[in-house]
Amino acid sequence: MRTVTFGMNISIDGYCDHTIADPGEEVLDYFTGMMDDVDLVFFGRVIYQLMFPYWSDVAKDQSGTPSENRFAERFSSINRVVVSRSLNSGDDKTRIVHSNPVAELAKLKQQPGKKIMVDSVSMLPELIAAGLIDEFNLVVHPVIVGKGRQLLDAGSLQEKLELKLAKIIHFKSGSVALHYSKQ
């Protein structure tokens, strides 16, 4: 059975809007390294459309910093499943699923392969409730923003989820990577 991992950049106060902080080279290198063990990314439509075609263009044009280019190359090379009611097509690495993300991820988890990375805040509560997320990789940035999309909305979980801290990485920027696994 494959491991499903959730990764996200967040502020100290729990917001995860993509504009909260510049991840910097160390954090990009961290996420690039994390993707060495990933062969599928499971997206919601909103974050997929934020990430693509931006990162695939950076990979193709090599228009970023060396760390951005490495991240873009690795990220763009991974197969993707996007859950969306409105998208009908993607590139050759993207498959669109129109309904039932829990059943789809459960099916993918049973297939052979490396880890599956979930990159969707909107589906997170239902995926947690279904017991499908095995690891949480949160990079907490030293910023308080007070607005935006929260990692989890109040009342979005029926039961609390107990986690075990597996690893902490401190970055020069003051950001901290926290790797948790289910107990």
C-alpha atoms as a PDB file:
ATOM      1  CA  MET A   1       0.000   0.000   0.000  1.00  0.00           C
ATOM      2  CA  ARG A   2       1.280   3.442  -0.925  1.00  0.00           C
ATOM      3  CA  THR A   3       1.844   6.209   1.586  1.00  0.00           C
ATOM      4  CA  VAL A   4      -0.179   9.400   1.125  1.00  0.00           C
ATOM      5  CA  THR A   5       1.558  12.574   2.244  1.00  0.00           C
ATOM      6  CA  PHE A   6       0.162  16.096   2.540  1.00  0.00           C
ATOM      7  CA  GLY A   7       2.536  19.028   2.133  1.00  0.00           C
ATOM      8  CA  MET A   8       1.864  22.734   2.538  1.00  0.00           C
ATOM      9  CA  ASN A   9       3.471  26.074   3.358  1.00  0.00           C
ATOM     10  CA  ILE A  10       1.632  27.847   6.180  1.00  0.00           C
ATOM     11  CA  SER A  11       1.937  30.955   8.310  1.00  0.00           C
ATOM     12  CA  ILE A  12       2.312  30.804  12.092  1.00  0.00           C
ATOM     13  CA  ASP A  13      -1.411  31.544  12.398  1.00  0.00           C
ATOM     14  CA  GLY A  14      -2.376  28.668  10.090  1.00  0.00           C
ATOM     15  CA  TYR A  15      -3.028  30.381   6.770  1.00  0.00           C
ATOM     16  CA  CYS A  16      -1.815  28.732   3.591  1.00  0.00           C
ATOM     17  CA  ASP A  17      -2.339  31.213   0.798  1.00  0.00           C
ATOM     18  CA  HIS A  18       0.457  30.920  -1.763  1.00  0.00           C
ATOM     19  CA  THR A  19       1.380  34.585  -1.268  1.00  0.00           C
ATOM     20  CA  ILE A  20       2.133  34.369   2.491  1.00  0.00           C
ATOM     21  CA  ALA A  21       5.896  34.132   2.092  1.00  0.00           C
ATOM     22  CA  ASP A  22       8.702  33.634  -0.379  1.00  0.00           C
ATOM     23  CA  PRO A  23       9.765  30.048   0.278  1.00  0.00           C
ATOM     24  CA  GLY A  24      13.395  30.769  -0.582  1.00  0.00           C
ATOM     25  CA  GLU A  25      15.954  28.330  -1.917  1.00  0.00           C
ATOM     26  CA  GLU A  26      16.217  26.149   1.196  1.00  0.00           C
ATOM     27  CA  VAL A  27      12.479  25.470   1.349  1.00  0.00           C
ATOM     28  CA  LEU A  28      12.259  24.840  -2.401  1.00  0.00           C
ATOM     29  CA  ASP A  29      15.177  22.411  -2.096  1.00  0.00           C
ATOM     30  CA  TYR A  30      13.362  20.702   0.808  1.00  0.00           C
ATOM     31  CA  PHE A  31      10.199  20.190  -1.254  1.00  0.00           C
ATOM     32  CA  THR A  32      12.245  19.105  -4.287  1.00  0.00           C
ATOM     33  CA  GLY A  33      13.968  16.453  -2.170  1.00  0.00           C
ATOM     34  CA  MET A  34      10.668  15.334  -0.709  1.00  0.00           C
ATOM     35  CA  MET A  35       9.377  14.684  -4.226  1.00  0.00           C
ATOM     36  CA  ASP A  36      12.109  12.097  -4.853  1.00  0.00           C
ATOM     37  CA  ASP A  37       9.812   9.633  -3.065  1.00  0.00           C
ATOM     38  CA  VAL A  38       6.639  10.805  -4.894  1.00  0.00           C
ATOM     39  CA  ASP A  39       5.320   9.591  -8.246  1.00  0.00           C
ATOM     40  CA  LEU A  40       1.807  11.082  -8.158  1.00  0.00           C
ATOM     41  CA  VAL A  41       0.349  14.407  -6.991  1.00  0.00           C
ATOM     42  CA  PHE A  42      -3.355  14.560  -6.107  1.00  0.00           C
ATOM     43  CA  PHE A  43      -4.690  18.097  -6.655  1.00  0.00           C
ATOM     44  CA  GLY A  44      -7.850  20.074  -6.270  1.00  0.00           C
ATOM     45  CA  ARG A  45      -8.592  22.361  -9.214  1.00  0.00           C
ATOM     46  CA  VAL A  46      -7.718  25.649  -7.516  1.00  0.00           C
ATOM     47  CA  ILE A  47      -4.183  24.755  -6.467  1.00  0.00           C
ATOM     48  CA  TYR A  48      -3.590  22.865  -9.716  1.00  0.00           C
ATOM     49  CA  GLN A  49      -4.414  26.008 -11.684  1.00  0.00           C
ATOM     50  CA  LEU A  50      -2.109  28.042  -9.421  1.00  0.00           C
ATOM     51  CA  MET A  51       0.759  25.612  -9.993  1.00  0.00           C
ATOM     52  CA  PHE A  52       0.287  24.850 -13.698  1.00  0.00           C
ATOM     53  CA  PRO A  53       1.267  26.009 -16.225  1.00  0.00           C
ATOM     54  CA  TYR A  54       3.506  28.245 -14.069  1.00  0.00           C
ATOM     55  CA  TRP A  55       5.949  25.543 -12.896  1.00  0.00           C
ATOM     56  CA  SER A  56       5.946  23.657 -16.195  1.00  0.00           C
ATOM     57  CA  ASP A  57       6.839  26.944 -17.955  1.00  0.00           C
ATOM     58  CA  VAL A  58       9.690  27.559 -15.486  1.00  0.00           C
ATOM     59  CA  ALA A  59      10.952  24.009 -16.096  1.00  0.00           C
ATOM     60  CA  LYS A  60      10.801  24.448 -19.868  1.00  0.00           C
ATOM     61  CA  ASP A  61      12.309  27.964 -19.987  1.00  0.00           C
ATOM     62  CA  GLN A  62      14.702  27.557 -17.016  1.00  0.00           C
ATOM     63  CA  SER A  63      13.550  31.066 -16.069  1.00  0.00           C
ATOM     64  CA  GLY A  64      13.882  30.784 -12.289  1.00  0.00           C
ATOM     65  CA  THR A  65      16.695  30.609  -9.796  1.00  0.00           C
ATOM     66  CA  PRO A  66      18.662  27.340  -9.766  1.00  0.00           C
ATOM     67  CA  SER A  67      16.462  26.066  -6.895  1.00  0.00           C
ATOM     68  CA  GLU A  68      13.254  27.131  -8.654  1.00  0.00           C
ATOM     69  CA  ASN A  69      14.399  25.412 -11.851  1.00  0.00           C
ATOM     70  CA  ARG A  70      15.190  22.164 -10.002  1.00  0.00           C
ATOM     71  CA  PHE A  71      11.826  22.283  -8.210  1.00  0.00           C
ATOM     72  CA  ALA A  72       9.997  23.057 -11.464  1.00  0.00           C
ATOM     73  CA  GLU A  73      11.683  20.199 -13.333  1.00  0.00           C
ATOM     74  CA  ARG A  74      10.897  17.653 -10.632  1.00  0.00           C
ATOM     75  CA  PHE A  75       7.378  18.918  -9.924  1.00  0.00           C
ATOM     76  CA  SER A  76       6.442  19.053 -13.614  1.00  0.00           C
ATOM     77  CA  SER A  77       7.732  15.548 -14.270  1.00  0.00           C
ATOM     78  CA  ILE A  78       5.361  13.879 -11.778  1.00  0.00           C
ATOM     79  CA  ASN A  79       2.007  12.471 -12.898  1.00  0.00           C
ATOM     80  CA  ARG A  80      -1.037  14.307 -11.586  1.00  0.00           C
ATOM     81  CA  VAL A  81      -4.663  13.580 -10.761  1.00  0.00           C
ATOM     82  CA  VAL A  82      -6.887  16.652 -10.525  1.00  0.00           C
ATOM     83  CA  VAL A  83     -10.319  16.531  -8.910  1.00  0.00           C
ATOM     84  CA  SER A  84     -12.560  19.068 -10.620  1.00  0.00           C
ATOM     85  CA  ARG A  85     -16.150  19.388 -11.728  1.00  0.00           C
ATOM     86  CA  SER A  86     -15.275  22.092 -14.272  1.00  0.00           C
ATOM     87  CA  LEU A  87     -11.960  21.040 -15.887  1.00  0.00           C
ATOM     88  CA  ASN A  88     -12.210  18.628 -18.766  1.00  0.00           C
ATOM     89  CA  SER A  89      -8.624  18.286 -19.932  1.00  0.00           C
ATOM     90  CA  GLY A  90      -5.027  18.685 -18.864  1.00  0.00           C
ATOM     91  CA  ASP A  91      -1.601  17.970 -20.261  1.00  0.00           C
ATOM     92  CA  ASP A  92      -0.205  14.491 -20.932  1.00  0.00           C
ATOM     93  CA  LYS A  93       0.796  14.030 -17.243  1.00  0.00           C
ATOM     94  CA  THR A  94      -2.624  15.086 -15.898  1.00  0.00           C
ATOM     95  CA  ARG A  95      -5.760  13.003 -15.463  1.00  0.00           C
ATOM     96  CA  ILE A  96      -9.003  14.758 -14.496  1.00  0.00           C
ATOM     97  CA  VAL A  97     -11.445  13.115 -12.057  1.00  0.00           C
ATOM     98  CA  HIS A  98     -14.889  14.698 -11.783  1.00  0.00           C
ATOM     99  CA  SER A  99     -16.230  13.218  -8.552  1.00  0.00           C
ATOM    100  CA  ASN A 100     -15.589  11.263  -5.363  1.00  0.00           C
ATOM    101  CA  PRO A 101     -12.019  12.199  -4.385  1.00  0.00           C
ATOM    102  CA  VAL A 102     -12.090   9.840  -1.385  1.00  0.00           C
ATOM    103  CA  ALA A 103     -12.833   6.776  -3.522  1.00  0.00           C
ATOM    104  CA  GLU A 104     -10.289   7.830  -6.142  1.00  0.00           C
ATOM    105  CA  LEU A 105      -7.486   8.374  -3.636  1.00  0.00           C
ATOM    106  CA  ALA A 106      -8.342   5.124  -1.816  1.00  0.00           C
ATOM    107  CA  LYS A 107      -8.063   3.260  -5.130  1.00  0.00           C
ATOM    108  CA  LEU A 108      -4.747   4.947  -6.006  1.00  0.00           C
ATOM    109  CA  LYS A 109      -3.361   4.185  -2.548  1.00  0.00           C
ATOM    110  CA  GLN A 110      -3.849   0.452  -3.209  1.00  0.00           C
ATOM    111  CA  GLN A 111      -1.880   0.534  -6.467  1.00  0.00           C
ATOM    112  CA  PRO A 112       1.881  -0.084  -6.581  1.00  0.00           C
ATOM    113  CA  GLY A 113       4.176   2.919  -6.677  1.00  0.00           C
ATOM    114  CA  LYS A 114       5.903   5.559  -4.632  1.00  0.00           C
ATOM    115  CA  LYS A 115       4.207   8.052  -2.331  1.00  0.00           C
ATOM    116  CA  ILE A 116       1.194  10.109  -3.360  1.00  0.00           C
ATOM    117  CA  MET A 117       1.386  13.788  -2.434  1.00  0.00           C
ATOM    118  CA  VAL A 118      -1.913  15.538  -1.738  1.00  0.00           C
ATOM    119  CA  ASP A 119      -1.868  19.213  -2.586  1.00  0.00           C
ATOM    120  CA  SER A 120      -5.385  20.417  -1.788  1.00  0.00           C
ATOM    121  CA  VAL A 121      -6.709  22.283   1.211  1.00  0.00           C
ATOM    122  CA  SER A 122     -10.323  22.037   0.075  1.00  0.00           C
ATOM    123  CA  MET A 123     -10.366  18.218   0.096  1.00  0.00           C
ATOM    124  CA  LEU A 124      -8.210  17.829   3.219  1.00  0.00           C
ATOM    125  CA  PRO A 125     -11.007  17.389   5.810  1.00  0.00           C
ATOM    126  CA  GLU A 126     -12.743  14.598   3.890  1.00  0.00           C
ATOM    127  CA  LEU A 127      -9.438  12.845   3.114  1.00  0.00           C
ATOM    128  CA  ILE A 128      -8.445  13.016   6.798  1.00  0.00           C
ATOM    129  CA  ALA A 129     -11.882  11.733   7.868  1.00  0.00           C
ATOM    130  CA  ALA A 130     -11.488   8.784   5.484  1.00  0.00           C
ATOM    131  CA  GLY A 131      -8.108   7.962   7.043  1.00  0.00           C
ATOM    132  CA  LEU A 132      -6.245   8.423   3.773  1.00  0.00           C
ATOM    133  CA  ILE A 133      -3.504  10.872   4.830  1.00  0.00           C
ATOM    134  CA  ASP A 134      -0.513   9.092   6.394  1.00  0.00           C
ATOM    135  CA  GLU A 135       1.951  11.983   6.716  1.00  0.00           C
ATOM    136  CA  PHE A 136       1.790  15.747   7.078  1.00  0.00           C
ATOM    137  CA  ASN A 137       4.708  17.921   5.955  1.00  0.00           C
ATOM    138  CA  LEU A 138       4.092  21.503   7.025  1.00  0.00           C
ATOM    139  CA  VAL A 139       6.576  24.293   6.475  1.00  0.00           C
ATOM    140  CA  VAL A 140       5.724  27.038   8.939  1.00  0.00           C
ATOM    141  CA  HIS A 141       6.946  30.465   7.821  1.00  0.00           C
ATOM    142  CA  PRO A 142       7.783  33.200  10.348  1.00  0.00           C
ATOM    143  CA  VAL A 143       4.875  35.411   9.395  1.00  0.00           C
ATOM    144  CA  ILE A 144       1.437  36.162  10.830  1.00  0.00           C
ATOM    145  CA  VAL A 145      -1.014  37.156   8.110  1.00  0.00           C
ATOM    146  CA  GLY A 146      -4.428  37.162   9.805  1.00  0.00           C
ATOM    147  CA  LYS A 147      -6.377  36.463   6.623  1.00  0.00           C
ATOM    148  CA  GLY A 148      -6.686  34.082   3.710  1.00  0.00           C
ATOM    149  CA  ARG A 149      -7.344  30.372   3.383  1.00  0.00           C
ATOM    150  CA  GLN A 150      -6.801  28.436   6.599  1.00  0.00           C
ATOM    151  CA  LEU A 151      -5.335  24.964   6.582  1.00  0.00           C
ATOM    152  CA  LEU A 152      -8.586  23.690   8.148  1.00  0.00           C
ATOM    153  CA  ASP A 153     -11.800  25.606   8.700  1.00  0.00           C
ATOM    154  CA  ALA A 154     -13.373  25.547  12.161  1.00  0.00           C
ATOM    155  CA  GLY A 155     -15.576  22.498  12.536  1.00  0.00           C
ATOM    156  CA  SER A 156     -14.286  20.798   9.377  1.00  0.00           C
ATOM    157  CA  LEU A 157     -13.156  17.684  11.281  1.00  0.00           C
ATOM    158  CA  GLN A 158     -15.504  15.486  13.265  1.00  0.00           C
ATOM    159  CA  GLU A 159     -12.689  13.994  15.367  1.00  0.00           C
ATOM    160  CA  LYS A 160      -9.252  15.245  16.233  1.00  0.00           C
ATOM    161  CA  LEU A 161      -6.358  13.443  14.585  1.00  0.00           C
ATOM    162  CA  GLU A 162      -3.464  12.497  16.846  1.00  0.00           C
ATOM    163  CA  LEU A 163      -0.086  12.770  15.116  1.00  0.00           C
ATOM    164  CA  LYS A 164       3.485  11.863  15.983  1.00  0.00           C
ATOM    165  CA  LEU A 165       6.285  14.343  15.281  1.00  0.00           C
ATOM    166  CA  ALA A 166       8.806  12.456  13.135  1.00  0.00           C
ATOM    167  CA  LYS A 167      11.223  15.200  12.096  1.00  0.00           C
ATOM    168  CA  ILE A 168      11.960  18.914  12.426  1.00  0.00           C
ATOM    169  CA  ILE A 169      14.128  20.918  10.037  1.00  0.00           C
ATOM    170  CA  HIS A 170      15.137  24.499  10.814  1.00  0.00           C
ATOM    171  CA  PHE A 171      15.881  26.789   7.881  1.00  0.00           C
ATOM    172  CA  LYS A 172      18.110  29.897   7.951  1.00  0.00           C
ATOM    173  CA  SER A 173      15.065  31.969   6.943  1.00  0.00           C
ATOM    174  CA  GLY A 174      13.370  31.126  10.242  1.00  0.00           C
ATOM    175  CA  SER A 175      10.940  28.725   8.575  1.00  0.00           C
ATOM    176  CA  VAL A 176      10.544  25.299  10.157  1.00  0.00           C
ATOM    177  CA  ALA A 177       9.597  22.049   8.406  1.00  0.00           C
ATOM    178  CA  LEU A 178       7.494  19.777  10.593  1.00  0.00           C
ATOM    179  CA  HIS A 179       7.013  16.176   9.482  1.00  0.00           C
ATOM    180  CA  TYR A 180       4.209  14.325  11.277  1.00  0.00           C
ATOM    181  CA  SER A 181       2.903  10.811  10.846  1.00  0.00           C
ATOM    182  CA  LYS A 182      -0.268   9.170  12.103  1.00  0.00           C
ATOM    183  CA  GLN A 183       0.085   7.385  15.445  1.00  0.00           C
END
